[in-house]
Amino acid sequence: MLANASVTTMLPVIDMDRARTFYERCLGLTPGGFRPDGKFTYQVGGTTLALFPRPEGTKAEHTAISFQVPDIAASVAKLKQAGVAFESYDLPGFKTVEHVCVLGAEKAAWFKDTEGNYLCLHEDLE
């Protein structure tokens, strides 16, 4: 029933201006514009990302978005130059090396946006 439906990822933001600066300047997304309900949208790889105002922010401890990239090391380096701070982990069975972790058939690296949402880069290994 929904196999051909377009998907919109919704992310809560406390400060819309701060969030937009991050998504546009650091991540390089092209602004789509405000919707009548206050959401601000971006078109990303055939999908829609919508930032919506939420004064209390997010409480999620999971990845909200994962961006597939062809070369994770190059993407991490480029985003770091743009001011993105990547997470580092050293847990049993889960360790990052230069911010990148190998998880089965993919590599992944995590960072937070200015509003506390967990975002990820991933590169398929197969």
PDB file of N, CA and C in Angstrom:
ATOM      1  N   MET A   1       0.804  -1.201   0.000  1.00  0.00           N
ATOM      2  CA  MET A   1       0.000   0.000   0.000  1.00  0.00           C
ATOM      3  C   MET A   1       0.851   1.270   0.000  1.00  0.00           C
ATOM      4  N   LEU A   2       1.958   1.288   0.758  1.00  0.00           N
ATOM      5  CA  LEU A   2       2.789   2.489   0.845  1.00  0.00           C
ATOM      6  C   LEU A   2       4.119   2.347   0.109  1.00  0.00           C
ATOM      7  N   ALA A   3       4.291   1.278  -0.616  1.00  0.00           N
ATOM      8  CA  ALA A   3       5.574   1.000  -1.267  1.00  0.00           C
ATOM      9  C   ALA A   3       6.043   2.121  -2.186  1.00  0.00           C
ATOM     10  N   ASN A   4       5.145   2.863  -2.775  1.00  0.00           N
ATOM     11  CA  ASN A   4       5.520   3.928  -3.698  1.00  0.00           C
ATOM     12  C   ASN A   4       5.272   5.323  -3.132  1.00  0.00           C
ATOM     13  N   ALA A   5       4.969   5.401  -1.856  1.00  0.00           N
ATOM     14  CA  ALA A   5       4.724   6.701  -1.227  1.00  0.00           C
ATOM     15  C   ALA A   5       6.042   7.420  -0.969  1.00  0.00           C
ATOM     16  N   SER A   6       6.046   8.726  -1.120  1.00  0.00           N
ATOM     17  CA  SER A   6       7.248   9.485  -0.775  1.00  0.00           C
ATOM     18  C   SER A   6       7.345   9.566   0.744  1.00  0.00           C
ATOM     19  N   VAL A   7       8.566   9.742   1.241  1.00  0.00           N
ATOM     20  CA  VAL A   7       8.819   9.737   2.676  1.00  0.00           C
ATOM     21  C   VAL A   7       9.365  11.099   3.108  1.00  0.00           C
ATOM     22  N   THR A   8       8.860  11.593   4.227  1.00  0.00           N
ATOM     23  CA  THR A   8       9.371  12.816   4.833  1.00  0.00           C
ATOM     24  C   THR A   8       9.893  12.467   6.217  1.00  0.00           C
ATOM     25  N   THR A   9      11.149  12.801   6.475  1.00  0.00           N
ATOM     26  CA  THR A   9      11.722  12.630   7.801  1.00  0.00           C
ATOM     27  C   THR A   9      11.473  13.912   8.579  1.00  0.00           C
ATOM     28  N   MET A  10      10.903  13.784   9.766  1.00  0.00           N
ATOM     29  CA  MET A  10      10.570  14.933  10.603  1.00  0.00           C
ATOM     30  C   MET A  10      11.556  15.015  11.764  1.00  0.00           C
ATOM     31  N   LEU A  11      12.217  16.169  11.908  1.00  0.00           N
ATOM     32  CA  LEU A  11      13.155  16.370  13.008  1.00  0.00           C
ATOM     33  C   LEU A  11      12.726  17.572  13.842  1.00  0.00           C
ATOM     34  N   PRO A  12      12.635  17.381  15.163  1.00  0.00           N
ATOM     35  CA  PRO A  12      12.292  18.505  16.032  1.00  0.00           C
ATOM     36  C   PRO A  12      13.488  19.428  16.222  1.00  0.00           C
ATOM     37  N   VAL A  13      13.219  20.728  16.258  1.00  0.00           N
ATOM     38  CA  VAL A  13      14.273  21.703  16.513  1.00  0.00           C
ATOM     39  C   VAL A  13      13.796  22.726  17.531  1.00  0.00           C
ATOM     40  N   ILE A  14      14.697  23.120  18.409  1.00  0.00           N
ATOM     41  CA  ILE A  14      14.402  24.139  19.414  1.00  0.00           C
ATOM     42  C   ILE A  14      14.538  25.525  18.788  1.00  0.00           C
ATOM     43  N   ASP A  15      15.607  25.719  18.045  1.00  0.00           N
ATOM     44  CA  ASP A  15      15.938  27.013  17.452  1.00  0.00           C
ATOM     45  C   ASP A  15      16.046  26.848  15.939  1.00  0.00           C
ATOM     46  N   MET A  16      15.020  27.268  15.220  1.00  0.00           N
ATOM     47  CA  MET A  16      14.955  27.062  13.775  1.00  0.00           C
ATOM     48  C   MET A  16      16.116  27.743  13.055  1.00  0.00           C
ATOM     49  N   ASP A  17      16.459  28.966  13.429  1.00  0.00           N
ATOM     50  CA  ASP A  17      17.556  29.672  12.762  1.00  0.00           C
ATOM     51  C   ASP A  17      18.881  28.943  12.949  1.00  0.00           C
ATOM     52  N   ARG A  18      19.139  28.510  14.181  1.00  0.00           N
ATOM     53  CA  ARG A  18      20.381  27.780  14.478  1.00  0.00           C
ATOM     54  C   ARG A  18      20.421  26.472  13.694  1.00  0.00           C
ATOM     55  N   ALA A  19      19.303  25.743  13.678  1.00  0.00           N
ATOM     56  CA  ALA A  19      19.236  24.466  12.963  1.00  0.00           C
ATOM     57  C   ALA A  19      19.426  24.673  11.464  1.00  0.00           C
ATOM     58  N   ARG A  20      18.765  25.674  10.909  1.00  0.00           N
ATOM     59  CA  ARG A  20      18.903  25.943   9.477  1.00  0.00           C
ATOM     60  C   ARG A  20      20.348  26.288   9.118  1.00  0.00           C
ATOM     61  N   THR A  21      21.006  27.065   9.951  1.00  0.00           N
ATOM     62  CA  THR A  21      22.411  27.398   9.693  1.00  0.00           C
ATOM     63  C   THR A  21      23.242  26.129   9.621  1.00  0.00           C
ATOM     64  N   PHE A  22      23.028  25.209  10.550  1.00  0.00           N
ATOM     65  CA  PHE A  22      23.765  23.945  10.556  1.00  0.00           C
ATOM     66  C   PHE A  22      23.473  23.130   9.298  1.00  0.00           C
ATOM     67  N   TYR A  23      22.212  22.921   8.976  1.00  0.00           N
ATOM     68  CA  TYR A  23      21.841  22.071   7.844  1.00  0.00           C
ATOM     69  C   TYR A  23      22.274  22.672   6.508  1.00  0.00           C
ATOM     70  N   GLU A  24      22.268  23.985   6.418  1.00  0.00           N
ATOM     71  CA  GLU A  24      22.633  24.627   5.162  1.00  0.00           C
ATOM     72  C   GLU A  24      24.135  24.875   5.048  1.00  0.00           C
ATOM     73  N   ARG A  25      24.760  25.408   6.082  1.00  0.00           N
ATOM     74  CA  ARG A  25      26.186  25.734   5.998  1.00  0.00           C
ATOM     75  C   ARG A  25      27.091  24.538   6.247  1.00  0.00           C
ATOM     76  N   CYS A  26      26.776  23.737   7.248  1.00  0.00           N
ATOM     77  CA  CYS A  26      27.642  22.593   7.576  1.00  0.00           C
ATOM     78  C   CYS A  26      27.363  21.374   6.703  1.00  0.00           C
ATOM     79  N   LEU A  27      26.081  21.059   6.497  1.00  0.00           N
ATOM     80  CA  LEU A  27      25.746  19.860   5.717  1.00  0.00           C
ATOM     81  C   LEU A  27      25.544  20.153   4.234  1.00  0.00           C
ATOM     82  N   GLY A  28      25.388  21.418   3.884  1.00  0.00           N
ATOM     83  CA  GLY A  28      25.275  21.788   2.478  1.00  0.00           C
ATOM     84  C   GLY A  28      23.925  21.536   1.837  1.00  0.00           C
ATOM     85  N   LEU A  29      22.860  21.429   2.653  1.00  0.00           N
ATOM     86  CA  LEU A  29      21.532  21.202   2.086  1.00  0.00           C
ATOM     87  C   LEU A  29      20.973  22.496   1.497  1.00  0.00           C
ATOM     88  N   THR A  30      20.221  22.359   0.416  1.00  0.00           N
ATOM     89  CA  THR A  30      19.595  23.496  -0.237  1.00  0.00           C
ATOM     90  C   THR A  30      18.230  23.745   0.383  1.00  0.00           C
ATOM     91  N   PRO A  31      17.980  24.971   0.853  1.00  0.00           N
ATOM     92  CA  PRO A  31      16.705  25.259   1.506  1.00  0.00           C
ATOM     93  C   PRO A  31      15.521  25.119   0.550  1.00  0.00           C
ATOM     94  N   GLY A  32      14.460  24.517   1.067  1.00  0.00           N
ATOM     95  CA  GLY A  32      13.228  24.380   0.296  1.00  0.00           C
ATOM     96  C   GLY A  32      12.226  25.455   0.657  1.00  0.00           C
ATOM     97  N   GLY A  33      12.155  25.782   1.940  1.00  0.00           N
ATOM     98  CA  GLY A  33      11.259  26.841   2.362  1.00  0.00           C
ATOM     99  C   GLY A  33      10.336  26.426   3.488  1.00  0.00           C
ATOM    100  N   PHE A  34       9.665  27.431   4.039  1.00  0.00           N
ATOM    101  CA  PHE A  34       8.713  27.213   5.120  1.00  0.00           C
ATOM    102  C   PHE A  34       7.375  26.727   4.569  1.00  0.00           C
ATOM    103  N   ARG A  35       6.735  25.870   5.317  1.00  0.00           N
ATOM    104  CA  ARG A  35       5.374  25.408   5.037  1.00  0.00           C
ATOM    105  C   ARG A  35       4.422  26.213   5.927  1.00  0.00           C
ATOM    106  N   PRO A  36       3.149  26.267   5.577  1.00  0.00           N
ATOM    107  CA  PRO A  36       2.192  27.034   6.388  1.00  0.00           C
ATOM    108  C   PRO A  36       2.120  26.609   7.858  1.00  0.00           C
ATOM    109  N   ASP A  37       2.454  25.341   8.145  1.00  0.00           N
ATOM    110  CA  ASP A  37       2.387  24.859   9.534  1.00  0.00           C
ATOM    111  C   ASP A  37       3.666  25.128  10.327  1.00  0.00           C
ATOM    112  N   GLY A  38       4.645  25.854   9.733  1.00  0.00           N
ATOM    113  CA  GLY A  38       5.862  26.213  10.443  1.00  0.00           C
ATOM    114  C   GLY A  38       7.051  25.315  10.182  1.00  0.00           C
ATOM    115  N   LYS A  39       6.834  24.191   9.480  1.00  0.00           N
ATOM    116  CA  LYS A  39       7.959  23.313   9.138  1.00  0.00           C
ATOM    117  C   LYS A  39       8.825  23.991   8.086  1.00  0.00           C
ATOM    118  N   PHE A  40      10.132  23.656   8.110  1.00  0.00           N
ATOM    119  CA  PHE A  40      11.043  24.105   7.064  1.00  0.00           C
ATOM    120  C   PHE A  40      11.570  22.868   6.382  1.00  0.00           C
ATOM    121  N   THR A  41      11.535  22.830   5.054  1.00  0.00           N
ATOM    122  CA  THR A  41      11.867  21.601   4.336  1.00  0.00           C
ATOM    123  C   THR A  41      13.111  21.718   3.459  1.00  0.00           C
ATOM    124  N   TYR A  42      13.689  20.531   3.219  1.00  0.00           N
ATOM    125  CA  TYR A  42      14.811  20.344   2.301  1.00  0.00           C
ATOM    126  C   TYR A  42      14.505  19.110   1.471  1.00  0.00           C
ATOM    127  N   GLN A  43      14.911  19.103   0.209  1.00  0.00           N
ATOM    128  CA  GLN A  43      14.851  17.897  -0.614  1.00  0.00           C
ATOM    129  C   GLN A  43      16.236  17.256  -0.539  1.00  0.00           C
ATOM    130  N   VAL A  44      16.270  15.988  -0.140  1.00  0.00           N
ATOM    131  CA  VAL A  44      17.545  15.292   0.053  1.00  0.00           C
ATOM    132  C   VAL A  44      17.469  13.937  -0.645  1.00  0.00           C
ATOM    133  N   GLY A  45      18.176  13.817  -1.762  1.00  0.00           N
ATOM    134  CA  GLY A  45      18.250  12.529  -2.451  1.00  0.00           C
ATOM    135  C   GLY A  45      16.910  11.898  -2.764  1.00  0.00           C
ATOM    136  N   GLY A  46      15.919  12.673  -3.171  1.00  0.00           N
ATOM    137  CA  GLY A  46      14.609  12.129  -3.510  1.00  0.00           C
ATOM    138  C   GLY A  46      13.656  12.002  -2.336  1.00  0.00           C
ATOM    139  N   THR A  47      14.097  12.401  -1.160  1.00  0.00           N
ATOM    140  CA  THR A  47      13.226  12.400   0.012  1.00  0.00           C
ATOM    141  C   THR A  47      13.130  13.828   0.552  1.00  0.00           C
ATOM    142  N   THR A  48      12.279  14.009   1.541  1.00  0.00           N
ATOM    143  CA  THR A  48      12.116  15.326   2.155  1.00  0.00           C
ATOM    144  C   THR A  48      12.535  15.262   3.611  1.00  0.00           C
ATOM    145  N   LEU A  49      13.293  16.260   4.021  1.00  0.00           N
ATOM    146  CA  LEU A  49      13.644  16.453   5.429  1.00  0.00           C
ATOM    147  C   LEU A  49      12.878  17.682   5.887  1.00  0.00           C
ATOM    148  N   ALA A  50      12.127  17.545   6.963  1.00  0.00           N
ATOM    149  CA  ALA A  50      11.363  18.665   7.502  1.00  0.00           C
ATOM    150  C   ALA A  50      11.797  18.943   8.937  1.00  0.00           C
ATOM    151  N   LEU A  51      12.218  20.154   9.191  1.00  0.00           N
ATOM    152  CA  LEU A  51      12.517  20.606  10.550  1.00  0.00           C
ATOM    153  C   LEU A  51      11.247  21.240  11.096  1.00  0.00           C
ATOM    154  N   PHE A  52      10.858  20.845  12.306  1.00  0.00           N
ATOM    155  CA  PHE A  52       9.660  21.458  12.878  1.00  0.00           C
ATOM    156  C   PHE A  52       9.973  21.991  14.269  1.00  0.00           C
ATOM    157  N   PRO A  53       9.408  23.171  14.594  1.00  0.00           N
ATOM    158  CA  PRO A  53       9.689  23.778  15.888  1.00  0.00           C
ATOM    159  C   PRO A  53       9.106  22.940  17.026  1.00  0.00           C
ATOM    160  N   ARG A  54       9.953  22.725  18.028  1.00  0.00           N
ATOM    161  CA  ARG A  54       9.518  21.993  19.231  1.00  0.00           C
ATOM    162  C   ARG A  54      10.340  22.534  20.392  1.00  0.00           C
ATOM    163  N   PRO A  55       9.755  23.402  21.210  1.00  0.00           N
ATOM    164  CA  PRO A  55      10.507  24.087  22.269  1.00  0.00           C
ATOM    165  C   PRO A  55      11.273  23.156  23.214  1.00  0.00           C
ATOM    166  N   GLU A  56      10.757  21.961  23.462  1.00  0.00           N
ATOM    167  CA  GLU A  56      11.447  21.038  24.370  1.00  0.00           C
ATOM    168  C   GLU A  56      12.494  20.187  23.658  1.00  0.00           C
ATOM    169  N   GLY A  57      12.627  20.325  22.351  1.00  0.00           N
ATOM    170  CA  GLY A  57      13.653  19.600  21.611  1.00  0.00           C
ATOM    171  C   GLY A  57      13.354  18.125  21.487  1.00  0.00           C
ATOM    172  N   THR A  58      14.429  17.348  21.389  1.00  0.00           N
ATOM    173  CA  THR A  58      14.303  15.906  21.187  1.00  0.00           C
ATOM    174  C   THR A  58      14.831  15.147  22.402  1.00  0.00           C
ATOM    175  N   LYS A  59      14.306  13.991  22.614  1.00  0.00           N
ATOM    176  CA  LYS A  59      14.785  13.124  23.696  1.00  0.00           C
ATOM    177  C   LYS A  59      15.303  11.808  23.134  1.00  0.00           C
ATOM    178  N   ALA A  60      15.327  11.669  21.829  1.00  0.00           N
ATOM    179  CA  ALA A  60      15.712  10.411  21.176  1.00  0.00           C
ATOM    180  C   ALA A  60      17.184  10.105  21.395  1.00  0.00           C
ATOM    181  N   GLU A  61      17.474   8.855  21.668  1.00  0.00           N
ATOM    182  CA  GLU A  61      18.847   8.379  21.821  1.00  0.00           C
ATOM    183  C   GLU A  61      19.219   7.463  20.657  1.00  0.00           C
ATOM    184  N   HIS A  62      18.482   7.571  19.571  1.00  0.00           N
ATOM    185  CA  HIS A  62      18.746   6.725  18.408  1.00  0.00           C
ATOM    186  C   HIS A  62      19.027   7.609  17.190  1.00  0.00           C
ATOM    187  N   THR A  63      19.505   6.985  16.140  1.00  0.00           N
ATOM    188  CA  THR A  63      19.792   7.699  14.902  1.00  0.00           C
ATOM    189  C   THR A  63      18.487   8.126  14.243  1.00  0.00           C
ATOM    190  N   ALA A  64      18.358   9.423  13.978  1.00  0.00           N
ATOM    191  CA  ALA A  64      17.153   9.951  13.342  1.00  0.00           C
ATOM    192  C   ALA A  64      17.252   9.889  11.822  1.00  0.00           C
ATOM    193  N   ILE A  65      18.445  10.120  11.291  1.00  0.00           N
ATOM    194  CA  ILE A  65      18.678  10.089   9.845  1.00  0.00           C
ATOM    195  C   ILE A  65      20.049   9.476   9.594  1.00  0.00           C
ATOM    196  N   SER A  66      20.143   8.673   8.543  1.00  0.00           N
ATOM    197  CA  SER A  66      21.437   8.184   8.088  1.00  0.00           C
ATOM    198  C   SER A  66      21.574   8.530   6.609  1.00  0.00           C
ATOM    199  N   PHE A  67      22.621   9.268   6.290  1.00  0.00           N
ATOM    200  CA  PHE A  67      22.896   9.673   4.922  1.00  0.00           C
ATOM    201  C   PHE A  67      23.858   8.670   4.297  1.00  0.00           C
ATOM    202  N   GLN A  68      23.474   8.047   3.193  1.00  0.00           N
ATOM    203  CA  GLN A  68      24.364   7.112   2.512  1.00  0.00           C
ATOM    204  C   GLN A  68      25.358   7.908   1.676  1.00  0.00           C
ATOM    205  N   VAL A  69      26.645   7.599   1.855  1.00  0.00           N
ATOM    206  CA  VAL A  69      27.715   8.285   1.129  1.00  0.00           C
ATOM    207  C   VAL A  69      28.611   7.240   0.456  1.00  0.00           C
ATOM    208  N   PRO A  70      29.262   7.610  -0.653  1.00  0.00           N
ATOM    209  CA  PRO A  70      30.111   6.643  -1.356  1.00  0.00           C
ATOM    210  C   PRO A  70      31.469   6.433  -0.688  1.00  0.00           C
ATOM    211  N   ASP A  71      31.959   7.426   0.065  1.00  0.00           N
ATOM    212  CA  ASP A  71      33.274   7.345   0.708  1.00  0.00           C
ATOM    213  C   ASP A  71      33.166   8.003   2.077  1.00  0.00           C
ATOM    214  N   ILE A  72      33.008   7.189   3.099  1.00  0.00           N
ATOM    215  CA  ILE A  72      32.743   7.736   4.427  1.00  0.00           C
ATOM    216  C   ILE A  72      33.927   8.534   4.969  1.00  0.00           C
ATOM    217  N   ALA A  73      35.145   8.084   4.738  1.00  0.00           N
ATOM    218  CA  ALA A  73      36.317   8.809   5.250  1.00  0.00           C
ATOM    219  C   ALA A  73      36.387  10.210   4.646  1.00  0.00           C
ATOM    220  N   ALA A  74      36.162  10.319   3.342  1.00  0.00           N
ATOM    221  CA  ALA A  74      36.188  11.623   2.685  1.00  0.00           C
ATOM    222  C   ALA A  74      35.037  12.498   3.165  1.00  0.00           C
ATOM    223  N   SER A  75      33.868  11.902   3.369  1.00  0.00           N
ATOM    224  CA  SER A  75      32.705  12.662   3.837  1.00  0.00           C
ATOM    225  C   SER A  75      32.906  13.166   5.261  1.00  0.00           C
ATOM    226  N   VAL A  76      33.467  12.323   6.121  1.00  0.00           N
ATOM    227  CA  VAL A  76      33.766  12.753   7.499  1.00  0.00           C
ATOM    228  C   VAL A  76      34.744  13.916   7.471  1.00  0.00           C
ATOM    229  N   ALA A  77      35.798  13.792   6.687  1.00  0.00           N
ATOM    230  CA  ALA A  77      36.810  14.855   6.618  1.00  0.00           C
ATOM    231  C   ALA A  77      36.197  16.166   6.134  1.00  0.00           C
ATOM    232  N   LYS A  78      35.371  16.095   5.112  1.00  0.00           N
ATOM    233  CA  LYS A  78      34.761  17.309   4.556  1.00  0.00           C
ATOM    234  C   LYS A  78      33.803  17.954   5.559  1.00  0.00           C
ATOM    235  N   LEU A  79      33.000  17.142   6.223  1.00  0.00           N
ATOM    236  CA  LEU A  79      32.064  17.689   7.207  1.00  0.00           C
ATOM    237  C   LEU A  79      32.788  18.254   8.431  1.00  0.00           C
ATOM    238  N   LYS A  80      33.881  17.617   8.829  1.00  0.00           N
ATOM    239  CA  LYS A  80      34.673  18.164   9.942  1.00  0.00           C
ATOM    240  C   LYS A  80      35.213  19.538   9.578  1.00  0.00           C
ATOM    241  N   GLN A  81      35.653  19.721   8.343  1.00  0.00           N
ATOM    242  CA  GLN A  81      36.124  21.032   7.896  1.00  0.00           C
ATOM    243  C   GLN A  81      35.010  22.073   7.942  1.00  0.00           C
ATOM    244  N   ALA A  82      33.764  21.612   7.771  1.00  0.00           N
ATOM    245  CA  ALA A  82      32.616  22.514   7.810  1.00  0.00           C
ATOM    246  C   ALA A  82      32.124  22.771   9.233  1.00  0.00           C
ATOM    247  N   GLY A  83      32.779  22.143  10.230  1.00  0.00           N
ATOM    248  CA  GLY A  83      32.418  22.390  11.621  1.00  0.00           C
ATOM    249  C   GLY A  83      31.597  21.317  12.303  1.00  0.00           C
ATOM    250  N   VAL A  84      31.385  20.182  11.646  1.00  0.00           N
ATOM    251  CA  VAL A  84      30.621  19.086  12.256  1.00  0.00           C
ATOM    252  C   VAL A  84      31.527  18.323  13.218  1.00  0.00           C
ATOM    253  N   ALA A  85      31.025  18.069  14.424  1.00  0.00           N
ATOM    254  CA  ALA A  85      31.761  17.318  15.445  1.00  0.00           C
ATOM    255  C   ALA A  85      31.230  15.880  15.486  1.00  0.00           C
ATOM    256  N   PHE A  86      32.082  14.928  15.151  1.00  0.00           N
ATOM    257  CA  PHE A  86      31.680  13.528  15.133  1.00  0.00           C
ATOM    258  C   PHE A  86      31.861  12.884  16.498  1.00  0.00           C
ATOM    259  N   GLU A  87      31.024  11.896  16.768  1.00  0.00           N
ATOM    260  CA  GLU A  87      31.068  11.141  18.014  1.00  0.00           C
ATOM    261  C   GLU A  87      32.173  10.088  17.927  1.00  0.00           C
ATOM    262  N   SER A  88      32.714   9.706  19.076  1.00  0.00           N
ATOM    263  CA  SER A  88      33.655   8.593  19.174  1.00  0.00           C
ATOM    264  C   SER A  88      33.118   7.633  20.220  1.00  0.00           C
ATOM    265  N   TYR A  89      33.225   6.329  19.944  1.00  0.00           N
ATOM    266  CA  TYR A  89      32.722   5.308  20.850  1.00  0.00           C
ATOM    267  C   TYR A  89      33.799   4.265  21.093  1.00  0.00           C
ATOM    268  N   ASP A  90      33.883   3.781  22.324  1.00  0.00           N
ATOM    269  CA  ASP A  90      34.783   2.697  22.675  1.00  0.00           C
ATOM    270  C   ASP A  90      34.065   1.814  23.688  1.00  0.00           C
ATOM    271  N   LEU A  91      33.179   0.972  23.171  1.00  0.00           N
ATOM    272  CA  LEU A  91      32.361   0.085  23.991  1.00  0.00           C
ATOM    273  C   LEU A  91      32.654  -1.353  23.597  1.00  0.00           C
ATOM    274  N   PRO A  92      32.345  -2.310  24.452  1.00  0.00           N
ATOM    275  CA  PRO A  92      32.549  -3.710  24.058  1.00  0.00           C
ATOM    276  C   PRO A  92      31.758  -4.030  22.780  1.00  0.00           C
ATOM    277  N   GLY A  93      32.458  -4.439  21.741  1.00  0.00           N
ATOM    278  CA  GLY A  93      31.821  -4.798  20.487  1.00  0.00           C
ATOM    279  C   GLY A  93      31.418  -3.622  19.615  1.00  0.00           C
ATOM    280  N   PHE A  94      31.765  -2.414  20.038  1.00  0.00           N
ATOM    281  CA  PHE A  94      31.355  -1.217  19.281  1.00  0.00           C
ATOM    282  C   PHE A  94      32.396  -0.130  19.476  1.00  0.00           C
ATOM    283  N   LYS A  95      33.300  -0.007  18.506  1.00  0.00           N
ATOM    284  CA  LYS A  95      34.395   0.952  18.628  1.00  0.00           C
ATOM    285  C   LYS A  95      34.558   1.710  17.316  1.00  0.00           C
ATOM    286  N   THR A  96      34.747   3.013  17.439  1.00  0.00           N
ATOM    287  CA  THR A  96      35.029   3.815  16.249  1.00  0.00           C
ATOM    288  C   THR A  96      36.528   4.059  16.154  1.00  0.00           C
ATOM    289  N   VAL A  97      37.004   4.106  14.933  1.00  0.00           N
ATOM    290  CA  VAL A  97      38.389   4.454  14.640  1.00  0.00           C
ATOM    291  C   VAL A  97      38.310   5.652  13.696  1.00  0.00           C
ATOM    292  N   GLU A  98      38.873   6.773  14.125  1.00  0.00           N
ATOM    293  CA  GLU A  98      38.732   8.027  13.385  1.00  0.00           C
ATOM    294  C   GLU A  98      37.259   8.305  13.100  1.00  0.00           C
ATOM    295  N   HIS A  99      36.419   8.056  14.113  1.00  0.00           N
ATOM    296  CA  HIS A  99      34.976   8.315  14.125  1.00  0.00           C
ATOM    297  C   HIS A  99      34.161   7.315  13.323  1.00  0.00           C
ATOM    298  N   VAL A 100      34.777   6.302  12.734  1.00  0.00           N
ATOM    299  CA  VAL A 100      34.066   5.357  11.877  1.00  0.00           C
ATOM    300  C   VAL A 100      34.061   3.973  12.510  1.00  0.00           C
ATOM    301  N   CYS A 101      32.901   3.312  12.455  1.00  0.00           N
ATOM    302  CA  CYS A 101      32.722   1.966  12.988  1.00  0.00           C
ATOM    303  C   CYS A 101      32.286   1.048  11.839  1.00  0.00           C
ATOM    304  N   VAL A 102      32.842  -0.153  11.798  1.00  0.00           N
ATOM    305  CA  VAL A 102      32.407  -1.135  10.810  1.00  0.00           C
ATOM    306  C   VAL A 102      31.319  -1.977  11.455  1.00  0.00           C
ATOM    307  N   LEU A 103      30.165  -2.014  10.807  1.00  0.00           N
ATOM    308  CA  LEU A 103      29.002  -2.764  11.299  1.00  0.00           C
ATOM    309  C   LEU A 103      28.544  -3.732  10.216  1.00  0.00           C
ATOM    310  N   GLY A 104      29.058  -4.936  10.230  1.00  0.00           N
ATOM    311  CA  GLY A 104      28.657  -5.920   9.231  1.00  0.00           C
ATOM    312  C   GLY A 104      29.000  -5.455   7.825  1.00  0.00           C
ATOM    313  N   ALA A 105      27.973  -5.150   7.035  1.00  0.00           N
ATOM    314  CA  ALA A 105      28.159  -4.798   5.629  1.00  0.00           C
ATOM    315  C   ALA A 105      28.221  -3.295   5.389  1.00  0.00           C
ATOM    316  N   GLU A 106      28.466  -2.518   6.443  1.00  0.00           N
ATOM    317  CA  GLU A 106      28.576  -1.073   6.250  1.00  0.00           C
ATOM    318  C   GLU A 106      29.523  -0.442   7.256  1.00  0.00           C
ATOM    319  N   LYS A 107      29.971   0.755   6.908  1.00  0.00           N
ATOM    320  CA  LYS A 107      30.721   1.603   7.824  1.00  0.00           C
ATOM    321  C   LYS A 107      29.782   2.729   8.224  1.00  0.00           C
ATOM    322  N   ALA A 108      29.917   3.228   9.456  1.00  0.00           N
ATOM    323  CA  ALA A 108      29.038   4.296   9.919  1.00  0.00           C
ATOM    324  C   ALA A 108      29.789   5.259  10.822  1.00  0.00           C
ATOM    325  N   ALA A 109      29.330   6.506  10.824  1.00  0.00           N
ATOM    326  CA  ALA A 109      29.879   7.551  11.688  1.00  0.00           C
ATOM    327  C   ALA A 109      28.723   8.436  12.129  1.00  0.00           C
ATOM    328  N   TRP A 110      28.709   8.821  13.417  1.00  0.00           N
ATOM    329  CA  TRP A 110      27.597   9.567  13.977  1.00  0.00           C
ATOM    330  C   TRP A 110      28.017  10.969  14.414  1.00  0.00           C
ATOM    331  N   PHE A 111      27.055  11.875  14.350  1.00  0.00           N
ATOM    332  CA  PHE A 111      27.220  13.237  14.843  1.00  0.00           C
ATOM    333  C   PHE A 111      25.854  13.752  15.254  1.00  0.00           C
ATOM    334  N   LYS A 112      25.839  14.823  16.034  1.00  0.00           N
ATOM    335  CA  LYS A 112      24.581  15.446  16.442  1.00  0.00           C
ATOM    336  C   LYS A 112      24.424  16.770  15.723  1.00  0.00           C
ATOM    337  N   ASP A 113      23.175  17.107  15.443  1.00  0.00           N
ATOM    338  CA  ASP A 113      22.928  18.443  14.926  1.00  0.00           C
ATOM    339  C   ASP A 113      22.891  19.416  16.101  1.00  0.00           C
ATOM    340  N   THR A 114      22.652  20.665  15.837  1.00  0.00           N
ATOM    341  CA  THR A 114      22.656  21.683  16.889  1.00  0.00           C
ATOM    342  C   THR A 114      21.517  21.501  17.877  1.00  0.00           C
ATOM    343  N   GLU A 115      20.544  20.675  17.534  1.00  0.00           N
ATOM    344  CA  GLU A 115      19.358  20.486  18.370  1.00  0.00           C
ATOM    345  C   GLU A 115      19.368  19.177  19.149  1.00  0.00           C
ATOM    346  N   GLY A 116      20.454  18.404  19.013  1.00  0.00           N
ATOM    347  CA  GLY A 116      20.582  17.156  19.755  1.00  0.00           C
ATOM    348  C   GLY A 116      20.113  15.917  19.013  1.00  0.00           C
ATOM    349  N   ASN A 117      19.690  16.058  17.761  1.00  0.00           N
ATOM    350  CA  ASN A 117      19.292  14.896  16.963  1.00  0.00           C
ATOM    351  C   ASN A 117      20.540  14.133  16.526  1.00  0.00           C
ATOM    352  N   TYR A 118      20.517  12.805  16.666  1.00  0.00           N
ATOM    353  CA  TYR A 118      21.622  11.975  16.197  1.00  0.00           C
ATOM    354  C   TYR A 118      21.485  11.729  14.700  1.00  0.00           C
ATOM    355  N   LEU A 119      22.527  12.067  13.960  1.00  0.00           N
ATOM    356  CA  LEU A 119      22.578  11.860  12.521  1.00  0.00           C
ATOM    357  C   LEU A 119      23.748  10.937  12.218  1.00  0.00           C
ATOM    358  N   CYS A 120      23.701  10.291  11.082  1.00  0.00           N
ATOM    359  CA  CYS A 120      24.710   9.279  10.743  1.00  0.00           C
ATOM    360  C   CYS A 120      25.082   9.391   9.276  1.00  0.00           C
ATOM    361  N   LEU A 121      26.313   9.021   8.979  1.00  0.00           N
ATOM    362  CA  LEU A 121      26.752   8.761   7.621  1.00  0.00           C
ATOM    363  C   LEU A 121      26.957   7.258   7.535  1.00  0.00           C
ATOM    364  N   HIS A 122      26.604   6.654   6.432  1.00  0.00           N
ATOM    365  CA  HIS A 122      26.940   5.240   6.249  1.00  0.00           C
ATOM    366  C   HIS A 122      27.386   4.978   4.823  1.00  0.00           C
ATOM    367  N   GLU A 123      28.303   4.016   4.714  1.00  0.00           N
ATOM    368  CA  GLU A 123      28.834   3.578   3.429  1.00  0.00           C
ATOM    369  C   GLU A 123      28.660   2.070   3.344  1.00  0.00           C
ATOM    370  N   ASP A 124      27.973   1.618   2.313  1.00  0.00           N
ATOM    371  CA  ASP A 124      27.810   0.179   2.112  1.00  0.00           C
ATOM    372  C   ASP A 124      29.139  -0.416   1.667  1.00  0.00           C
ATOM    373  N   LEU A 125      29.468  -1.583   2.204  1.00  0.00           N
ATOM    374  CA  LEU A 125      30.720  -2.252   1.855  1.00  0.00           C
ATOM    375  C   LEU A 125      30.552  -3.255   0.723  1.00  0.00           C
ATOM    376  N   GLU A 126      29.350  -3.601   0.410  1.00  0.00           N
ATOM    377  CA  GLU A 126      29.113  -4.599  -0.655  1.00  0.00           C
ATOM    378  C   GLU A 126      28.657  -3.950  -1.916  1.00  0.00           C
TER     379      GLU A 126
END
